[in-house]
């Protein structure tokens, strides 16, 4: 599975089910979107296809996230990362 960020419940749940989760730099996904999309408009479907294509073609350049210990999983769920406030 390819995701843009390793933080959050989605990545944690994917890793908990035993899947290999690879993080792809969001800027790499944006550059791929600029090269392969007709419009520069963001699309979840095209982003998902782009992440899958990046992982399919360059899997050797990426490594899967390591599994977290039980303590690390508990801390990550109980203490989520702070979000930025928009001014």
C-alpha atoms as a PDB file:
ATOM      1  CA  UNK A   1       0.000   0.000   0.000  1.00  0.00           C
ATOM      2  CA  UNK A   2       1.294   3.449  -0.838  1.00  0.00           C
ATOM      3  CA  UNK A   3       0.294   6.493   1.227  1.00  0.00           C
ATOM      4  CA  UNK A   4       1.495  10.079   1.277  1.00  0.00           C
ATOM      5  CA  UNK A   5       1.900  10.260   5.059  1.00  0.00           C
ATOM      6  CA  UNK A   6       2.795   7.715   7.688  1.00  0.00           C
ATOM      7  CA  UNK A   7       0.824   9.517  10.400  1.00  0.00           C
ATOM      8  CA  UNK A   8      -2.755   8.863  11.328  1.00  0.00           C
ATOM      9  CA  UNK A   9      -5.101   5.980  11.869  1.00  0.00           C
ATOM     10  CA  UNK A  10      -5.183   4.788   8.254  1.00  0.00           C
ATOM     11  CA  UNK A  11      -1.487   3.996   8.102  1.00  0.00           C
ATOM     12  CA  UNK A  12      -1.615   2.491  11.609  1.00  0.00           C
ATOM     13  CA  UNK A  13      -4.552   0.226  10.743  1.00  0.00           C
ATOM     14  CA  UNK A  14      -2.959  -0.878   7.470  1.00  0.00           C
ATOM     15  CA  UNK A  15       0.219  -1.823   9.301  1.00  0.00           C
ATOM     16  CA  UNK A  16      -1.770  -3.576  12.042  1.00  0.00           C
ATOM     17  CA  UNK A  17      -3.334  -5.868   9.423  1.00  0.00           C
ATOM     18  CA  UNK A  18       0.096  -6.993   8.253  1.00  0.00           C
ATOM     19  CA  UNK A  19       0.237  -5.047   5.002  1.00  0.00           C
ATOM     20  CA  UNK A  20       3.454  -3.438   3.834  1.00  0.00           C
ATOM     21  CA  UNK A  21       2.913   0.322   3.846  1.00  0.00           C
ATOM     22  CA  UNK A  22       5.191   2.556   1.802  1.00  0.00           C
ATOM     23  CA  UNK A  23       5.218   6.328   2.232  1.00  0.00           C
ATOM     24  CA  UNK A  24       5.617   8.427  -0.870  1.00  0.00           C
ATOM     25  CA  UNK A  25       6.759  12.027  -0.604  1.00  0.00           C
ATOM     26  CA  UNK A  26       3.760  14.305  -1.278  1.00  0.00           C
ATOM     27  CA  UNK A  27       5.904  16.473  -3.548  1.00  0.00           C
ATOM     28  CA  UNK A  28       6.759  13.429  -5.678  1.00  0.00           C
ATOM     29  CA  UNK A  29       3.050  12.703  -6.022  1.00  0.00           C
ATOM     30  CA  UNK A  30       2.387  16.325  -6.986  1.00  0.00           C
ATOM     31  CA  UNK A  31       5.166  16.291  -9.596  1.00  0.00           C
ATOM     32  CA  UNK A  32       3.760  13.075 -11.060  1.00  0.00           C
ATOM     33  CA  UNK A  33       0.292  14.670 -11.194  1.00  0.00           C
ATOM     34  CA  UNK A  34       1.736  17.680 -13.035  1.00  0.00           C
ATOM     35  CA  UNK A  35       3.436  15.448 -15.619  1.00  0.00           C
ATOM     36  CA  UNK A  36       0.571  13.047 -16.282  1.00  0.00           C
ATOM     37  CA  UNK A  37      -2.655  14.987 -15.758  1.00  0.00           C
ATOM     38  CA  UNK A  38      -4.272  17.196 -18.342  1.00  0.00           C
ATOM     39  CA  UNK A  39      -5.467  19.600 -15.658  1.00  0.00           C
ATOM     40  CA  UNK A  40      -3.632  20.531 -12.486  1.00  0.00           C
ATOM     41  CA  UNK A  41      -6.795  19.904 -10.494  1.00  0.00           C
ATOM     42  CA  UNK A  42      -6.409  17.535  -7.546  1.00  0.00           C
ATOM     43  CA  UNK A  43      -8.330  14.279  -7.862  1.00  0.00           C
ATOM     44  CA  UNK A  44      -8.391  11.527  -5.236  1.00  0.00           C
ATOM     45  CA  UNK A  45      -8.807   8.859  -7.908  1.00  0.00           C
ATOM     46  CA  UNK A  46      -5.865  10.099  -9.968  1.00  0.00           C
ATOM     47  CA  UNK A  47      -3.745  10.557  -6.825  1.00  0.00           C
ATOM     48  CA  UNK A  48      -4.417   6.954  -5.782  1.00  0.00           C
ATOM     49  CA  UNK A  49      -3.504   5.718  -9.251  1.00  0.00           C
ATOM     50  CA  UNK A  50      -0.377   7.871  -9.200  1.00  0.00           C
ATOM     51  CA  UNK A  51       0.773   6.500  -5.841  1.00  0.00           C
ATOM     52  CA  UNK A  52       0.181   2.954  -7.053  1.00  0.00           C
ATOM     53  CA  UNK A  53       2.136   3.663 -10.238  1.00  0.00           C
ATOM     54  CA  UNK A  54       5.043   5.216  -8.325  1.00  0.00           C
ATOM     55  CA  UNK A  55       5.224   2.162  -6.092  1.00  0.00           C
ATOM     56  CA  UNK A  56       4.850  -0.224  -9.026  1.00  0.00           C
ATOM     57  CA  UNK A  57       7.633   1.328 -11.083  1.00  0.00           C
ATOM     58  CA  UNK A  58      10.067   2.358  -8.316  1.00  0.00           C
ATOM     59  CA  UNK A  59       9.450  -0.143  -5.515  1.00  0.00           C
ATOM     60  CA  UNK A  60      13.188  -0.715  -5.074  1.00  0.00           C
ATOM     61  CA  UNK A  61      13.650   2.985  -4.285  1.00  0.00           C
ATOM     62  CA  UNK A  62      11.192   2.863  -1.383  1.00  0.00           C
ATOM     63  CA  UNK A  63      11.132   0.831   1.794  1.00  0.00           C
ATOM     64  CA  UNK A  64       8.148  -0.229   3.863  1.00  0.00           C
ATOM     65  CA  UNK A  65       7.438   1.356   7.216  1.00  0.00           C
ATOM     66  CA  UNK A  66       8.648  -0.722  10.151  1.00  0.00           C
ATOM     67  CA  UNK A  67       6.077  -2.184  12.513  1.00  0.00           C
ATOM     68  CA  UNK A  68       5.443  -0.192  15.675  1.00  0.00           C
ATOM     69  CA  UNK A  69       5.613  -1.691  19.124  1.00  0.00           C
ATOM     70  CA  UNK A  70       2.398  -1.892  21.146  1.00  0.00           C
ATOM     71  CA  UNK A  71       3.519   1.015  23.320  1.00  0.00           C
ATOM     72  CA  UNK A  72       4.207   3.186  20.283  1.00  0.00           C
ATOM     73  CA  UNK A  73       0.792   2.365  18.814  1.00  0.00           C
ATOM     74  CA  UNK A  74      -0.944   3.292  22.075  1.00  0.00           C
ATOM     75  CA  UNK A  75       0.917   6.598  22.319  1.00  0.00           C
ATOM     76  CA  UNK A  76       0.189   7.481  18.690  1.00  0.00           C
ATOM     77  CA  UNK A  77      -3.540   6.930  19.162  1.00  0.00           C
ATOM     78  CA  UNK A  78      -3.766   8.709  22.510  1.00  0.00           C
ATOM     79  CA  UNK A  79      -1.590  11.673  21.534  1.00  0.00           C
ATOM     80  CA  UNK A  80      -2.332  12.666  17.945  1.00  0.00           C
ATOM     81  CA  UNK A  81      -0.087  15.170  16.238  1.00  0.00           C
ATOM     82  CA  UNK A  82      -1.272  18.775  16.602  1.00  0.00           C
ATOM     83  CA  UNK A  83      -2.859  20.323  13.544  1.00  0.00           C
ATOM     84  CA  UNK A  84      -1.892  23.698  12.212  1.00  0.00           C
ATOM     85  CA  UNK A  85      -4.272  26.563  12.630  1.00  0.00           C
ATOM     86  CA  UNK A  86      -5.019  28.712   9.664  1.00  0.00           C
ATOM     87  CA  UNK A  87      -4.916  32.431  10.335  1.00  0.00           C
END
